Protein backbone atom coordinates (compact mmCIF):
# COMPACT_ATOMS: atom_id res chain seq x y z
CA MET A 1 69.49 172.25 95.46
CA GLY A 2 67.60 172.31 92.21
CA SER A 3 68.84 171.11 88.87
CA HIS A 4 70.17 174.60 88.14
CA GLY A 5 72.23 174.64 91.36
CA SER A 6 70.34 177.53 92.93
CA PRO A 7 67.15 178.36 94.83
CA CYS A 8 65.71 179.49 91.52
CA GLY A 9 66.58 176.04 90.19
CA GLU A 10 64.62 174.51 93.06
CA MET A 11 61.66 176.73 92.21
CA ALA A 12 61.90 175.64 88.57
CA GLU A 13 61.27 172.05 89.64
CA THR A 14 58.09 172.91 91.55
CA ASP A 15 56.61 175.92 89.75
CA PRO A 16 56.28 175.78 85.94
CA GLN A 17 56.22 179.60 85.75
CA TRP A 18 59.92 179.61 86.75
CA ARG A 19 61.05 177.21 84.05
CA ARG A 20 61.80 179.95 81.55
CA ALA A 21 63.90 182.03 83.92
CA PRO A 22 66.02 180.02 86.41
CA TRP A 23 69.17 180.71 84.37
CA LEU A 24 68.95 184.32 85.56
CA CYS A 25 70.36 183.35 88.98
CA LEU A 26 74.10 183.83 89.29
CA PRO A 27 75.72 180.80 90.98
CA CYS A 28 79.01 181.07 92.88
CA ASP A 29 81.58 178.29 93.18
CA HIS A 30 79.26 176.52 95.60
CA GLY A 31 76.42 176.63 93.09
CA ARG A 32 74.15 178.82 95.16
CA THR A 33 72.95 182.38 95.40
CA ARG A 34 72.69 184.22 98.70
CA THR A 35 69.33 182.78 99.70
CA ALA A 36 66.10 182.03 97.92
CA THR A 37 64.67 185.34 99.09
CA ALA A 38 67.82 187.43 98.79
CA CYS A 39 68.51 186.42 95.20
CA PRO A 40 67.49 189.64 93.39
CA HIS A 41 66.34 187.78 90.30
CA SER A 42 64.28 185.42 92.47
CA ARG A 43 62.47 188.32 94.05
CA LEU A 44 61.67 189.89 90.72
CA LEU A 45 60.54 186.53 89.40
CA GLN A 46 58.31 185.96 92.43
CA GLN A 47 56.59 189.22 91.57
CA GLY A 48 56.11 188.05 88.00
CA SER A 49 58.59 190.55 86.52
CA PHE A 50 60.43 188.13 84.23
CA SER A 51 61.43 190.80 81.72
CA ALA A 52 62.67 193.18 84.42
CA ALA A 53 64.84 190.49 86.00
CA ARG A 54 66.21 189.46 82.64
CA GLN A 55 67.04 193.00 81.54
CA ALA A 56 68.71 193.94 84.83
CA LEU A 57 70.85 190.83 84.87
CA GLN A 58 71.82 191.09 81.22
CA PHE A 59 73.00 194.64 81.90
CA TYR A 60 75.10 193.37 84.83
CA LEU A 61 76.67 190.67 82.66
CA ARG A 62 77.52 193.13 79.90
CA VAL A 63 79.41 195.48 82.23
CA THR A 64 81.16 192.80 84.28
CA THR A 65 82.40 190.44 81.58
CA SER A 66 82.63 190.37 77.85
CA ARG A 67 83.01 186.61 77.63
CA THR A 68 80.74 183.66 78.39
CA VAL A 69 79.96 183.59 82.08
CA SER A 70 81.21 180.57 83.99
CA ARG A 71 81.03 179.90 87.68
CA ARG A 72 84.68 181.00 88.10
CA LYS A 73 84.02 184.36 86.45
CA VAL A 74 80.92 185.31 88.46
CA GLU A 75 81.04 187.55 91.51
CA PRO A 76 81.07 185.28 94.60
CA PHE A 77 77.78 185.94 96.39
CA CYS A 78 77.46 183.43 99.19
CA GLY A 79 79.13 183.83 102.55
CA GLU A 80 80.42 180.25 102.52
CA HIS A 81 82.38 181.00 99.35
CA ARG A 82 84.00 184.07 100.90
CA ARG A 83 84.87 182.26 104.15
CA THR A 84 86.48 179.43 102.18
CA LYS A 85 88.56 181.88 100.15
CA ARG A 86 89.71 183.67 103.29
CA ARG A 87 90.71 180.44 105.04
CA GLN A 88 92.73 179.46 101.98
CA ALA A 89 94.46 182.83 102.11
CA GLY A 90 95.22 182.48 105.87
CA LEU A 91 93.13 185.52 106.75
CA THR A 92 90.92 183.97 109.43
CA GLY A 93 93.21 184.11 112.49
CA GLY A 94 93.29 187.03 114.90
CA ARG A 95 90.27 188.90 113.52
CA THR A 96 87.81 190.59 115.79
CA ALA A 97 84.13 189.77 115.67
CA GLN A 98 83.52 193.14 114.03
CA GLN A 99 86.17 192.42 111.35
CA LYS A 100 84.60 189.02 110.67
CA GLU A 101 81.20 190.64 110.33
CA GLU A 102 82.55 193.28 107.99
CA SER A 103 84.30 190.65 105.87
CA MET A 104 80.99 188.91 105.37
CA LYS A 105 79.52 192.04 103.87
CA PHE A 106 82.09 193.07 101.27
CA PRO A 107 84.74 191.33 99.13
CA THR A 108 88.30 192.19 100.20
CA LEU A 109 89.68 192.13 96.67
CA PRO A 110 90.55 195.46 95.10
CA ILE A 111 87.68 197.12 93.28
CA SER A 112 88.41 197.30 89.59
CA ARG A 113 86.68 199.53 87.07
CA ARG A 114 84.74 196.54 85.83
CA ARG A 115 83.63 195.62 89.35
CA ALA A 116 82.66 199.21 90.03
CA ALA A 117 80.48 199.14 86.96
CA GLY A 118 78.99 195.89 88.21
CA THR A 119 78.14 197.57 91.50
CA VAL A 120 76.31 200.31 89.62
CA ALA A 121 74.45 197.67 87.66
CA PHE A 122 73.36 195.90 90.81
CA GLY A 123 72.19 199.20 92.19
CA ALA A 124 69.91 199.41 89.19
CA LEU A 125 68.79 195.83 89.79
CA PHE A 126 67.85 196.48 93.41
CA LEU A 127 66.03 199.66 92.39
CA ALA A 128 64.06 197.45 90.02
CA ILE A 129 63.31 195.13 92.93
CA THR A 130 61.89 197.95 95.02
CA ALA A 131 59.68 198.87 92.07
CA GLY A 132 58.70 195.21 91.51
CA THR A 133 55.07 195.79 92.40
CA ALA A 134 54.72 198.48 89.77
CA LEU A 135 56.53 196.37 87.17
CA ALA A 136 54.19 193.47 87.83
CA GLU A 137 51.09 195.66 88.15
CA TYR A 138 47.93 193.93 86.95
CA LYS A 139 46.39 195.33 83.80
CA ALA A 140 43.21 193.69 82.57
CA ALA A 141 43.99 194.48 78.94
CA ASP A 142 47.21 192.46 79.27
CA VAL A 143 45.11 189.33 79.86
CA ARG A 144 44.90 187.93 76.32
CA ILE A 145 42.45 185.05 76.00
CA GLY A 146 42.20 182.36 73.39
CA PHE A 147 38.88 180.47 73.47
CA THR A 148 37.52 177.38 71.73
CA PRO A 149 34.08 175.76 72.20
CA LYS A 150 33.51 172.15 71.21
CA PHE A 151 31.39 173.26 68.27
CA LEU A 152 28.67 175.79 67.59
CA LYS A 153 25.92 173.40 66.56
CA ASP A 154 23.75 173.62 69.66
CA ASP A 155 22.36 176.25 72.01
CA PHE A 156 24.58 175.20 74.93
CA GLN A 157 27.92 175.74 73.18
CA THR A 158 26.75 178.86 71.33
CA LEU A 159 25.45 180.50 74.49
CA MET A 160 28.59 179.49 76.42
CA LEU A 161 30.69 181.35 73.86
CA ASP A 162 28.44 184.42 73.91
CA LEU A 163 28.31 184.58 77.72
CA SER A 164 32.07 184.06 77.95
CA LYS A 165 32.72 186.94 75.56
CA LYS A 166 30.50 189.19 77.65
CA ALA A 167 32.20 188.10 80.89
CA PHE A 168 35.68 188.69 79.46
CA ASP A 169 34.66 192.07 78.09
CA ALA A 170 33.22 193.08 81.45
CA LYS A 171 36.61 192.38 83.04
CA GLY A 172 38.47 194.34 80.36
CA PHE A 173 40.27 191.27 79.00
CA THR A 174 41.48 191.05 75.40
CA LEU A 175 40.03 188.23 73.30
CA VAL A 176 42.68 187.03 70.83
CA GLY A 177 40.28 184.71 69.05
CA ALA A 178 37.51 182.12 69.43
CA PRO A 179 37.72 179.67 66.50
CA ASP A 180 35.16 176.90 66.06
CA PRO A 181 36.81 173.44 65.80
CA ASN A 182 33.45 172.00 64.69
CA GLY A 183 33.72 168.91 66.87
CA ASP A 184 37.17 167.90 65.55
CA ILE A 185 39.69 167.36 68.36
CA ALA A 186 42.67 167.73 66.02
CA ALA A 187 41.28 171.06 64.85
CA GLU A 188 40.78 172.15 68.46
CA VAL A 189 44.39 171.32 69.37
CA ASP A 190 45.66 173.21 66.31
CA ALA A 191 43.43 176.17 67.12
CA LEU A 192 44.69 176.41 70.69
CA GLN A 193 48.33 176.18 69.63
CA ASN A 194 47.75 178.90 67.03
CA LEU A 195 46.15 181.10 69.70
CA ILE A 196 49.30 180.75 71.81
CA ALA A 197 51.43 181.68 68.80
CA ASN A 198 49.21 184.73 68.27
CA GLY A 199 49.87 186.02 71.77
CA ALA A 200 47.26 184.40 74.02
CA ASN A 201 48.50 184.09 77.60
CA VAL A 202 45.28 182.43 78.80
CA LEU A 203 43.52 179.50 77.14
CA VAL A 204 39.86 178.71 77.80
CA PHE A 205 38.27 175.72 76.10
CA ALA A 206 35.59 173.06 76.28
CA PRO A 207 37.52 169.88 75.46
CA ILE A 208 36.03 167.76 72.70
CA ASP A 209 38.05 164.79 73.95
CA ALA A 210 39.72 164.64 77.38
CA ALA A 211 42.73 162.67 76.15
CA GLY A 212 43.01 164.30 72.74
CA ILE A 213 43.27 167.80 74.20
CA VAL A 214 46.37 166.95 76.29
CA PRO A 215 48.99 168.03 73.68
CA ALA A 216 47.51 171.53 73.63
CA VAL A 217 47.47 171.66 77.43
CA LYS A 218 51.13 170.61 77.64
CA LYS A 219 52.05 173.15 74.96
CA ALA A 220 50.40 175.84 77.07
CA ASN A 221 52.18 174.58 80.20
CA ASP A 222 55.56 174.83 78.45
CA ALA A 223 54.74 178.40 77.36
CA ASN A 224 53.59 179.42 80.90
CA VAL A 225 50.08 180.08 79.56
CA LEU A 226 47.17 179.83 82.03
CA VAL A 227 44.78 176.98 81.20
CA PHE A 228 41.05 176.91 82.02
CA SER A 229 38.88 173.98 80.96
CA ILE A 230 35.09 174.31 80.92
CA ASP A 231 32.46 171.57 81.41
CA ASP A 232 35.03 168.76 81.46
CA ALA A 233 38.66 168.23 82.50
CA PRO A 234 41.59 167.13 80.31
CA ALA A 235 43.15 163.74 81.01
CA GLY A 236 46.68 165.10 81.35
CA GLY A 237 48.85 168.18 81.59
CA LYS A 238 48.11 170.83 84.21
CA VAL A 239 45.19 173.22 84.30
CA THR A 240 44.97 176.44 86.24
CA ALA A 241 41.38 175.36 86.92
CA THR A 242 38.54 173.31 85.49
CA VAL A 243 35.09 174.87 85.80
CA ARG A 244 32.19 172.46 85.53
CA ALA A 245 28.93 171.47 87.14
CA ASP A 246 28.92 169.27 90.21
CA ASN A 247 27.60 166.34 88.20
CA VAL A 248 27.50 164.02 91.18
CA ASP A 249 25.18 166.47 92.91
CA ALA A 250 23.11 166.76 89.72
CA GLY A 251 22.55 163.00 89.89
CA VAL A 252 21.76 163.27 93.60
CA GLN A 253 19.10 165.91 92.92
CA GLY A 254 17.61 163.74 90.19
CA ALA A 255 17.40 160.77 92.57
CA LYS A 256 15.78 162.80 95.35
CA GLU A 257 13.14 164.10 92.96
CA MET A 258 12.53 160.60 91.62
CA VAL A 259 11.98 159.22 95.14
CA LYS A 260 9.69 162.13 96.01
CA ARG A 261 7.47 161.38 93.00
CA LEU A 262 7.63 157.60 93.46
CA GLN A 263 6.21 158.00 96.97
CA ALA A 264 2.95 159.18 95.38
CA LYS A 265 2.72 156.02 93.26
CA PRO A 266 0.94 152.79 94.31
CA CYS A 267 4.18 150.88 93.68
CA TRP A 268 5.78 152.62 96.64
CA THR A 269 3.35 151.02 99.04
CA ASP A 270 3.86 147.45 97.83
CA ASN A 271 7.61 147.86 97.09
CA SER A 272 7.20 147.12 93.39
CA CYS A 273 8.66 150.29 91.88
CA ILE A 274 10.97 149.82 88.88
CA VAL A 275 13.23 152.63 87.64
CA LEU A 276 15.29 152.68 84.45
CA GLU A 277 18.51 154.72 84.45
CA LEU A 278 19.69 155.64 80.96
CA GLN A 279 23.36 156.39 81.59
CA GLY A 280 25.63 158.59 79.53
CA ALA A 281 29.05 157.42 78.37
CA LEU A 282 30.72 155.91 81.42
CA THR A 283 34.09 156.63 79.83
CA THR A 284 33.50 160.35 80.50
CA PRO A 285 33.64 162.13 83.89
CA ASN A 286 30.17 163.60 83.39
CA GLY A 287 28.69 160.20 82.59
CA ARG A 288 30.30 158.51 85.60
CA ASP A 289 29.51 161.32 88.03
CA ARG A 290 25.85 161.62 87.07
CA SER A 291 25.34 157.87 87.30
CA ASP A 292 27.16 157.60 90.65
CA GLY A 293 25.14 160.45 92.14
CA PHE A 294 21.82 159.06 90.97
CA SER A 295 22.28 155.34 91.65
CA LYS A 296 23.91 155.65 95.08
CA THR A 297 21.33 158.15 96.31
CA LEU A 298 18.43 156.08 94.99
CA HIS A 299 19.74 152.99 96.79
CA GLU A 300 20.17 154.97 100.01
CA LEU A 301 16.73 156.59 99.94
CA ALA A 302 14.76 153.75 98.36
CA PRO A 303 16.62 150.44 98.77
CA LYS A 304 13.59 148.40 97.70
CA VAL A 305 13.27 150.12 94.31
CA ASN A 306 14.42 147.90 91.45
CA LEU A 307 16.99 149.93 89.49
CA ILE A 308 17.82 148.88 85.93
CA GLN A 309 20.83 150.61 84.35
CA ARG A 310 21.56 150.83 80.64
CA PRO A 311 24.44 152.73 78.96
CA THR A 312 23.63 154.93 75.98
CA GLU A 313 26.95 156.63 75.07
CA TRP A 314 24.96 159.90 75.04
CA THR A 315 23.01 158.83 71.94
CA ALA A 316 19.25 159.10 71.50
CA ASP A 317 19.11 155.92 69.38
CA MET A 318 20.69 153.76 72.08
CA ALA A 319 18.43 155.36 74.68
CA ALA A 320 15.34 154.60 72.59
CA ASP A 321 16.38 150.96 72.09
CA ALA A 322 17.08 150.50 75.80
CA ALA A 323 13.76 152.09 76.78
CA GLN A 324 11.85 149.88 74.34
CA ASN A 325 13.51 146.67 75.56
CA VAL A 326 13.10 147.43 79.27
CA LEU A 327 9.50 148.57 78.82
CA THR A 328 8.68 145.34 76.94
CA GLN A 329 10.13 143.25 79.78
CA ASN A 330 8.74 145.49 82.54
CA PRO A 331 5.38 146.97 81.46
CA SER A 332 4.85 148.35 84.97
CA LEU A 333 7.93 150.58 84.69
CA SER A 334 7.55 153.42 87.18
CA GLY A 335 10.23 155.95 86.25
CA ILE A 336 13.08 156.81 83.87
CA PHE A 337 16.15 158.87 84.71
CA MET A 338 18.05 160.21 81.69
CA ALA A 339 21.65 161.40 81.99
CA SER A 340 20.89 163.95 79.28
CA GLU A 341 17.77 165.54 77.85
CA LEU A 342 18.96 164.71 74.35
CA MET A 343 17.38 161.30 74.97
CA ALA A 344 14.01 162.65 76.10
CA SER A 345 12.12 162.97 72.81
CA ALA A 346 13.21 159.51 71.62
CA VAL A 347 12.28 157.97 74.97
CA ASN A 348 8.89 159.70 74.95
CA ALA A 349 8.22 158.23 71.53
CA GLN A 350 8.85 154.72 72.86
CA LEU A 351 6.60 155.35 75.86
CA THR A 352 3.81 156.52 73.55
CA ASN A 353 4.25 153.47 71.31
CA GLY A 354 4.03 151.25 74.38
CA GLY A 355 0.86 152.90 75.66
CA LYS A 356 2.71 154.57 78.53
CA GLY A 357 2.80 158.12 77.23
CA ALA A 358 0.42 159.69 79.76
CA PRO A 359 1.28 163.31 80.62
CA VAL A 360 2.91 164.42 83.87
CA GLY A 361 0.34 164.44 86.65
CA ASP A 362 -1.66 161.53 85.29
CA PRO A 363 -1.72 158.57 87.73
CA ASN A 364 -0.60 156.25 84.94
CA SER A 365 2.32 158.36 83.75
CA VAL A 366 5.91 157.17 83.90
CA ILE A 367 8.08 159.60 85.86
CA ARG A 368 10.72 161.18 83.61
CA ILE A 369 13.66 163.15 84.99
CA ALA A 370 16.75 164.32 83.10
CA ILE A 371 19.84 166.56 83.29
CA ASP A 372 20.94 169.58 81.20
CA GLY A 373 18.22 172.23 81.25
CA THR A 374 18.17 172.92 77.51
CA PRO A 375 15.47 175.08 75.88
CA GLN A 376 13.94 171.87 74.51
CA GLY A 377 13.98 170.28 77.96
CA LEU A 378 12.25 173.24 79.55
CA GLN A 379 9.62 173.15 76.84
CA LEU A 380 9.00 169.46 77.57
CA ILE A 381 8.34 170.40 81.21
CA ARG A 382 5.87 173.08 80.12
CA SER A 383 4.07 170.58 77.87
CA LYS A 384 3.99 167.95 80.66
CA ALA A 385 6.23 165.54 78.75
CA LEU A 386 9.02 165.73 81.38
CA ASP A 387 8.59 165.84 85.16
CA ALA A 388 11.85 167.59 85.99
CA THR A 389 15.38 168.31 84.84
CA VAL A 390 18.58 169.47 86.51
CA SER A 391 19.85 172.59 84.76
CA GLN A 392 23.58 173.02 84.29
CA PRO A 393 25.04 176.29 85.64
CA LEU A 394 26.05 177.53 82.19
CA SER A 395 25.71 181.21 83.05
CA ALA A 396 28.06 180.70 85.99
CA TYR A 397 30.60 178.89 83.78
CA ALA A 398 31.39 182.17 82.05
CA THR A 399 31.38 184.51 85.05
CA LYS A 400 33.25 182.08 87.33
CA THR A 401 35.94 181.46 84.73
CA ALA A 402 36.42 185.21 84.27
CA ASP A 403 36.63 185.68 88.06
CA LEU A 404 39.27 182.95 88.38
CA ILE A 405 41.33 184.36 85.51
CA GLU A 406 41.35 187.73 87.25
CA LEU A 407 42.23 186.16 90.61
CA VAL A 408 45.20 184.19 89.28
CA SER A 409 46.42 187.03 87.04
CA LYS A 410 46.60 189.24 90.12
CA GLY A 411 48.74 186.65 91.91
CA GLY A 412 45.92 184.98 93.85
CA LYS A 413 45.49 181.26 94.48
CA ILE A 414 42.48 179.03 93.96
CA GLU A 415 41.96 177.46 97.37
CA ILE A 416 40.51 173.97 97.83
CA GLY A 417 37.28 173.71 99.85
CA PRO A 418 33.53 174.42 99.91
CA ARG A 419 31.98 177.54 98.38
CA ASP A 420 28.54 179.11 98.52
CA ASP A 421 28.02 178.20 94.85
CA GLY A 422 29.65 174.78 94.97
CA GLN A 423 33.05 173.41 95.90
CA VAL A 424 36.68 173.32 94.74
CA ILE A 425 38.31 169.91 94.77
CA ASP A 426 41.86 168.84 93.99
CA THR A 427 42.41 166.58 90.98
CA PRO A 428 45.53 165.11 89.31
CA VAL A 429 45.45 167.84 86.66
CA GLY A 430 44.69 170.76 88.98
CA PRO A 431 41.89 172.40 90.97
CA GLN A 432 38.33 171.81 89.82
CA TYR A 433 35.59 174.31 90.61
CA GLN A 434 32.32 172.36 90.73
CA LEU A 435 29.26 174.61 90.52
CA LYS A 436 25.85 173.67 91.88
CA ALA A 437 23.16 172.78 89.36
CA THR A 438 19.47 173.75 89.67
CA LEU A 439 16.48 171.42 89.81
CA VAL A 440 13.77 172.61 87.39
CA THR A 441 10.09 171.73 87.63
CA THR A 442 6.88 173.48 86.62
CA ASP A 443 7.40 175.73 89.65
CA ASN A 444 10.50 177.50 88.26
CA VAL A 445 10.63 176.56 84.59
CA ASP A 446 10.24 180.19 83.49
CA SER A 447 12.92 181.61 85.78
CA PRO A 448 15.10 184.16 83.94
CA ASP A 449 18.13 182.77 85.81
CA LEU A 450 18.04 179.49 83.89
CA TRP A 451 20.49 179.47 81.02
CA ALA A 452 17.95 178.10 78.56
CA ASN A 453 15.75 181.16 79.11
CA LYS A 454 18.63 183.41 78.04
CA VAL A 455 19.06 181.90 74.59
CA GLY A 456 18.46 184.50 71.88
CA LYS A 457 18.26 187.37 74.37
């Protein structure tokens, strides 16, 4: 039995959506309702009709007792309770099987006016149960979304907000608000909590800090608000889903492209290729995943390539310093993999200063591959200052999040497993939908499907 002494109490321990309503179950002396499925309030709650269950039960309590309800004052529901009472009263001997069956169906005590009124009330409750589907009917406008980006200083976050608004509007959802925390995690937490207070029943956010966002996630969990995290996952609490790129696969694609281009270099023949990996922040999931995907795949496909790894904490200055130092020590550097395009311009400047700034396609050029697919990155590919990049599925972030909100709001479940557009994996904080990224070269740099080509349109 659960902490509330009923099947609803059991559900409250396993399903956070029940935590606000388990008190609606009426326990008998044995601390149980009929069964988990027969409990009328349980059935209404399973259908999501919290208010209907509450109203029906409150009506029953008003007409059956005018005082505080205790276990002794509640109608005995379970058969074990009635059998115990009958044995105590000496009514078990000499009954026929039919009499025993009938005694299990109805109390033998005289029906008082109060109990008669209670019977009428339960009739209303069971009518509500039969109409449970209608009471819990999905209405898109009842989905009230509160949204926060990390900030609105760059094209990625600005476009993510714009595309999300369009995706929510296309579904008929109501947007409660979309405040800009301007890169301040405390402001983001406050904004999300205010959105809940203003009626949001779904939160969608790009966490500025995975640990710092946890208080807002737990606040939403306590309020039975759906939680969707974009681009990164919180470090605690429970999310309905995280929607992000498959960053391991993005690193894998970068490594495969690097090997493909290295094979055309003289260093491939004499096993002298040297590749520099400029990592992101390894304290972040994106940084770890991209590095794992790239380094492991490079070792598998090209075990004789000398891989040098340097952390950059996602900063262009650290990337430039690392590139300068490695290039000074290894003037025959063959390729550079950057965990983010934000490093590209600074790295190109160091290559130019070191006499290694030949354009893509030149036999003496250093191979440069990155991740993100920003407008600036695509322009570098067009100008032959970047061989390739792996574009994040930003457009799909918005549409996939809207699809999942609709699915869960209708009572559906996000199943773990592979998908045509990626995969869903289980994580300690909840399911994570990892979307496939797209390798971009001169062959597809102008594709209208790339998120960077949608900016300003």
